[in-house]
């Protein structure tokens, strides 16, 4: 499971959730990831800082 998670860039827990969802719904496609990357990027830009300073 770890290799799959690392390959697709998610946590092992996320892969387990995808498998459970596939069992429940019958869909085998990975769900579209919903994140806040765009909002965070805009907020960082508005604050006048580079992304590296926010890590």
PDB file of N, CA and C in Angstrom:
ATOM      1  N   UNK A   1       0.826  -1.186   0.000  1.00  0.00           N
ATOM      2  CA  UNK A   1       0.000   0.000   0.000  1.00  0.00           C
ATOM      3  C   UNK A   1       0.870   1.250   0.000  1.00  0.00           C
ATOM      4  N   UNK A   2       1.979   1.198   0.688  1.00  0.00           N
ATOM      5  CA  UNK A   2       2.862   2.367   0.760  1.00  0.00           C
ATOM      6  C   UNK A   2       3.369   2.766  -0.629  1.00  0.00           C
ATOM      7  N   UNK A   3       3.753   1.766  -1.432  1.00  0.00           N
ATOM      8  CA  UNK A   3       4.273   2.049  -2.778  1.00  0.00           C
ATOM      9  C   UNK A   3       3.212   2.734  -3.639  1.00  0.00           C
ATOM     10  N   UNK A   4       1.985   2.281  -3.541  1.00  0.00           N
ATOM     11  CA  UNK A   4       0.897   2.900  -4.308  1.00  0.00           C
ATOM     12  C   UNK A   4       0.709   4.342  -3.859  1.00  0.00           C
ATOM     13  N   UNK A   5       0.665   4.550  -2.553  1.00  0.00           N
ATOM     14  CA  UNK A   5       0.468   5.895  -2.009  1.00  0.00           C
ATOM     15  C   UNK A   5       1.583   6.838  -2.454  1.00  0.00           C
ATOM     16  N   UNK A   6       2.825   6.380  -2.378  1.00  0.00           N
ATOM     17  CA  UNK A   6       3.950   7.215  -2.791  1.00  0.00           C
ATOM     18  C   UNK A   6       3.902   7.508  -4.280  1.00  0.00           C
ATOM     19  N   UNK A   7       3.504   6.518  -5.077  1.00  0.00           N
ATOM     20  CA  UNK A   7       3.450   6.695  -6.527  1.00  0.00           C
ATOM     21  C   UNK A   7       2.434   7.758  -6.925  1.00  0.00           C
ATOM     22  N   UNK A   8       1.279   7.763  -6.280  1.00  0.00           N
ATOM     23  CA  UNK A   8       0.238   8.726  -6.656  1.00  0.00           C
ATOM     24  C   UNK A   8       0.261   9.983  -5.787  1.00  0.00           C
ATOM     25  N   UNK A   9       1.170  10.042  -4.816  1.00  0.00           N
ATOM     26  CA  UNK A   9       1.343  11.256  -4.020  1.00  0.00           C
ATOM     27  C   UNK A   9       0.283  11.498  -2.967  1.00  0.00           C
ATOM     28  N   UNK A  10      -0.209  10.410  -2.359  1.00  0.00           N
ATOM     29  CA  UNK A  10      -1.203  10.545  -1.289  1.00  0.00           C
ATOM     30  C   UNK A  10      -0.765   9.702  -0.097  1.00  0.00           C
ATOM     31  N   UNK A  11      -1.481   9.803   1.007  1.00  0.00           N
ATOM     32  CA  UNK A  11      -1.169   8.988   2.175  1.00  0.00           C
ATOM     33  C   UNK A  11      -1.724   7.572   1.993  1.00  0.00           C
ATOM     34  N   UNK A  12      -1.171   6.651   2.762  1.00  0.00           N
ATOM     35  CA  UNK A  12      -1.684   5.277   2.724  1.00  0.00           C
ATOM     36  C   UNK A  12      -3.152   5.262   3.121  1.00  0.00           C
ATOM     37  N   UNK A  13      -3.520   6.074   4.084  1.00  0.00           N
ATOM     38  CA  UNK A  13      -4.909   6.133   4.541  1.00  0.00           C
ATOM     39  C   UNK A  13      -5.844   6.525   3.391  1.00  0.00           C
ATOM     40  N   UNK A  14      -5.388   7.442   2.542  1.00  0.00           N
ATOM     41  CA  UNK A  14      -6.201   7.850   1.399  1.00  0.00           C
ATOM     42  C   UNK A  14      -6.420   6.683   0.452  1.00  0.00           C
ATOM     43  N   UNK A  15      -5.374   5.896   0.212  1.00  0.00           N
ATOM     44  CA  UNK A  15      -5.519   4.731  -0.665  1.00  0.00           C
ATOM     45  C   UNK A  15      -6.532   3.761  -0.069  1.00  0.00           C
ATOM     46  N   UNK A  16      -6.460   3.527   1.235  1.00  0.00           N
ATOM     47  CA  UNK A  16      -7.433   2.639   1.885  1.00  0.00           C
ATOM     48  C   UNK A  16      -8.848   3.185   1.732  1.00  0.00           C
ATOM     49  N   UNK A  17      -9.013   4.517   1.869  1.00  0.00           N
ATOM     50  CA  UNK A  17     -10.340   5.123   1.690  1.00  0.00           C
ATOM     51  C   UNK A  17     -10.839   4.927   0.268  1.00  0.00           C
ATOM     52  N   UNK A  18      -9.934   5.074  -0.719  1.00  0.00           N
ATOM     53  CA  UNK A  18     -10.321   4.859  -2.119  1.00  0.00           C
ATOM     54  C   UNK A  18     -10.784   3.423  -2.326  1.00  0.00           C
ATOM     55  N   UNK A  19     -10.066   2.471  -1.735  1.00  0.00           N
ATOM     56  CA  UNK A  19     -10.457   1.069  -1.876  1.00  0.00           C
ATOM     57  C   UNK A  19     -11.820   0.803  -1.241  1.00  0.00           C
ATOM     58  N   UNK A  20     -12.032   1.366  -0.077  1.00  0.00           N
ATOM     59  CA  UNK A  20     -13.327   1.196   0.591  1.00  0.00           C
ATOM     60  C   UNK A  20     -14.445   1.814  -0.237  1.00  0.00           C
ATOM     61  N   UNK A  21     -14.183   2.988  -0.806  1.00  0.00           N
ATOM     62  CA  UNK A  21     -15.193   3.650  -1.640  1.00  0.00           C
ATOM     63  C   UNK A  21     -15.476   2.816  -2.884  1.00  0.00           C
ATOM     64  N   UNK A  22     -14.445   2.232  -3.468  1.00  0.00           N
ATOM     65  CA  UNK A  22     -14.634   1.389  -4.656  1.00  0.00           C
ATOM     66  C   UNK A  22     -15.496   0.174  -4.320  1.00  0.00           C
ATOM     67  N   UNK A  23     -15.254  -0.404  -3.137  1.00  0.00           N
ATOM     68  CA  UNK A  23     -16.072  -1.539  -2.706  1.00  0.00           C
ATOM     69  C   UNK A  23     -17.530  -1.128  -2.541  1.00  0.00           C
ATOM     70  N   UNK A  24     -17.736   0.034  -1.961  1.00  0.00           N
ATOM     71  CA  UNK A  24     -19.083   0.502  -1.662  1.00  0.00           C
ATOM     72  C   UNK A  24     -19.839   0.946  -2.908  1.00  0.00           C
ATOM     73  N   UNK A  25     -19.174   1.712  -3.772  1.00  0.00           N
ATOM     74  CA  UNK A  25     -19.859   2.313  -4.920  1.00  0.00           C
ATOM     75  C   UNK A  25     -19.705   1.527  -6.211  1.00  0.00           C
ATOM     76  N   UNK A  26     -18.706   0.662  -6.273  1.00  0.00           N
ATOM     77  CA  UNK A  26     -18.443  -0.066  -7.506  1.00  0.00           C
ATOM     78  C   UNK A  26     -17.622   0.721  -8.511  1.00  0.00           C
ATOM     79  N   UNK A  27     -17.216   1.937  -8.157  1.00  0.00           N
ATOM     80  CA  UNK A  27     -16.379   2.759  -9.034  1.00  0.00           C
ATOM     81  C   UNK A  27     -14.918   2.521  -8.695  1.00  0.00           C
ATOM     82  N   UNK A  28     -14.098   2.309  -9.729  1.00  0.00           N
ATOM     83  CA  UNK A  28     -12.688   2.022  -9.470  1.00  0.00           C
ATOM     84  C   UNK A  28     -11.773   3.202  -9.773  1.00  0.00           C
ATOM     85  N   UNK A  29     -12.303   4.295 -10.261  1.00  0.00           N
ATOM     86  CA  UNK A  29     -11.485   5.478 -10.516  1.00  0.00           C
ATOM     87  C   UNK A  29     -11.199   6.188  -9.199  1.00  0.00           C
ATOM     88  N   UNK A  30      -9.989   6.730  -9.096  1.00  0.00           N
ATOM     89  CA  UNK A  30      -9.657   7.519  -7.904  1.00  0.00           C
ATOM     90  C   UNK A  30     -10.526   8.771  -7.910  1.00  0.00           C
ATOM     91  N   UNK A  31     -11.106   9.122  -6.780  1.00  0.00           N
ATOM     92  CA  UNK A  31     -11.941  10.317  -6.732  1.00  0.00           C
ATOM     93  C   UNK A  31     -11.101  11.567  -7.011  1.00  0.00           C
ATOM     94  N   UNK A  32     -11.739  12.601  -7.496  1.00  0.00           N
ATOM     95  CA  UNK A  32     -11.060  13.872  -7.728  1.00  0.00           C
ATOM     96  C   UNK A  32     -10.682  14.441  -6.382  1.00  0.00           C
ATOM     97  N   UNK A  33      -9.421  14.779  -6.249  1.00  0.00           N
ATOM     98  CA  UNK A  33      -8.955  15.323  -4.962  1.00  0.00           C
ATOM     99  C   UNK A  33      -9.420  16.756  -4.809  1.00  0.00           C
ATOM    100  N   UNK A  34      -9.951  17.070  -3.668  1.00  0.00           N
ATOM    101  CA  UNK A  34     -10.414  18.409  -3.354  1.00  0.00           C
ATOM    102  C   UNK A  34      -9.432  18.985  -2.342  1.00  0.00           C
ATOM    103  N   UNK A  35      -8.828  20.091  -2.688  1.00  0.00           N
ATOM    104  CA  UNK A  35      -7.847  20.665  -1.778  1.00  0.00           C
ATOM    105  C   UNK A  35      -7.955  22.172  -1.717  1.00  0.00           C
ATOM    106  N   UNK A  36      -7.040  22.733  -1.000  1.00  0.00           N
ATOM    107  CA  UNK A  36      -7.036  24.180  -0.817  1.00  0.00           C
ATOM    108  C   UNK A  36      -5.777  24.800  -1.407  1.00  0.00           C
ATOM    109  N   UNK A  37      -5.112  24.073  -2.284  1.00  0.00           N
ATOM    110  CA  UNK A  37      -3.843  24.553  -2.825  1.00  0.00           C
ATOM    111  C   UNK A  37      -3.992  25.915  -3.502  1.00  0.00           C
ATOM    112  N   UNK A  38      -5.038  26.106  -4.300  1.00  0.00           N
ATOM    113  CA  UNK A  38      -5.198  27.385  -4.988  1.00  0.00           C
ATOM    114  C   UNK A  38      -5.434  28.517  -3.996  1.00  0.00           C
ATOM    115  N   UNK A  39      -6.290  28.290  -3.038  1.00  0.00           N
ATOM    116  CA  UNK A  39      -6.574  29.315  -2.042  1.00  0.00           C
ATOM    117  C   UNK A  39      -5.360  29.646  -1.204  1.00  0.00           C
ATOM    118  N   UNK A  40      -4.609  28.634  -0.836  1.00  0.00           N
ATOM    119  CA  UNK A  40      -3.406  28.855  -0.038  1.00  0.00           C
ATOM    120  C   UNK A  40      -2.403  29.641  -0.861  1.00  0.00           C
ATOM    121  N   UNK A  41      -2.234  29.261  -2.119  1.00  0.00           N
ATOM    122  CA  UNK A  41      -1.289  29.967  -2.986  1.00  0.00           C
ATOM    123  C   UNK A  41      -1.646  31.429  -3.146  1.00  0.00           C
ATOM    124  N   UNK A  42      -2.934  31.704  -3.311  1.00  0.00           N
ATOM    125  CA  UNK A  42      -3.372  33.101  -3.437  1.00  0.00           C
ATOM    126  C   UNK A  42      -3.116  33.859  -2.145  1.00  0.00           C
ATOM    127  N   UNK A  43      -3.372  33.211  -1.019  1.00  0.00           N
ATOM    128  CA  UNK A  43      -3.153  33.875   0.270  1.00  0.00           C
ATOM    129  C   UNK A  43      -1.686  34.172   0.496  1.00  0.00           C
ATOM    130  N   UNK A  44      -0.832  33.236   0.136  1.00  0.00           N
ATOM    131  CA  UNK A  44       0.605  33.439   0.291  1.00  0.00           C
ATOM    132  C   UNK A  44       1.062  34.576  -0.608  1.00  0.00           C
ATOM    133  N   UNK A  45       0.569  34.570  -1.857  1.00  0.00           N
ATOM    134  CA  UNK A  45       0.941  35.632  -2.785  1.00  0.00           C
ATOM    135  C   UNK A  45       0.476  36.992  -2.304  1.00  0.00           C
ATOM    136  N   UNK A  46      -0.729  37.048  -1.760  1.00  0.00           N
ATOM    137  CA  UNK A  46      -1.261  38.308  -1.273  1.00  0.00           C
ATOM    138  C   UNK A  46      -0.476  38.831  -0.086  1.00  0.00           C
ATOM    139  N   UNK A  47       0.097  37.917   0.688  1.00  0.00           N
ATOM    140  CA  UNK A  47       0.879  38.322   1.853  1.00  0.00           C
ATOM    141  C   UNK A  47       2.271  38.792   1.458  1.00  0.00           C
ATOM    142  N   UNK A  48       2.629  38.589   0.173  1.00  0.00           N
ATOM    143  CA  UNK A  48       3.920  39.052  -0.296  1.00  0.00           C
ATOM    144  C   UNK A  48       5.078  38.153   0.093  1.00  0.00           C
ATOM    145  N   UNK A  49       4.814  36.881   0.327  1.00  0.00           N
ATOM    146  CA  UNK A  49       5.863  35.936   0.713  1.00  0.00           C
ATOM    147  C   UNK A  49       5.981  34.866  -0.349  1.00  0.00           C
ATOM    148  N   UNK A  50       7.170  34.277  -0.452  1.00  0.00           N
ATOM    149  CA  UNK A  50       7.381  33.135  -1.340  1.00  0.00           C
ATOM    150  C   UNK A  50       6.910  31.871  -0.663  1.00  0.00           C
ATOM    151  N   UNK A  51       6.616  30.847  -1.446  1.00  0.00           N
ATOM    152  CA  UNK A  51       6.141  29.573  -0.898  1.00  0.00           C
ATOM    153  C   UNK A  51       7.140  28.922   0.037  1.00  0.00           C
ATOM    154  N   UNK A  52       8.439  29.095  -0.238  1.00  0.00           N
ATOM    155  CA  UNK A  52       9.451  28.441   0.607  1.00  0.00           C
ATOM    156  C   UNK A  52       9.420  28.967   2.030  1.00  0.00           C
ATOM    157  N   UNK A  53       9.044  30.199   2.225  1.00  0.00           N
ATOM    158  CA  UNK A  53       9.011  30.757   3.575  1.00  0.00           C
ATOM    159  C   UNK A  53       7.870  30.207   4.403  1.00  0.00           C
ATOM    160  N   UNK A  54       6.887  29.619   3.758  1.00  0.00           N
ATOM    161  CA  UNK A  54       5.697  29.149   4.463  1.00  0.00           C
ATOM    162  C   UNK A  54       5.804  27.688   4.895  1.00  0.00           C
ATOM    163  N   UNK A  55       6.868  27.013   4.551  1.00  0.00           N
ATOM    164  CA  UNK A  55       6.980  25.600   4.925  1.00  0.00           C
ATOM    165  C   UNK A  55       7.265  25.417   6.370  1.00  0.00           C
TER     166      UNK A  55
END
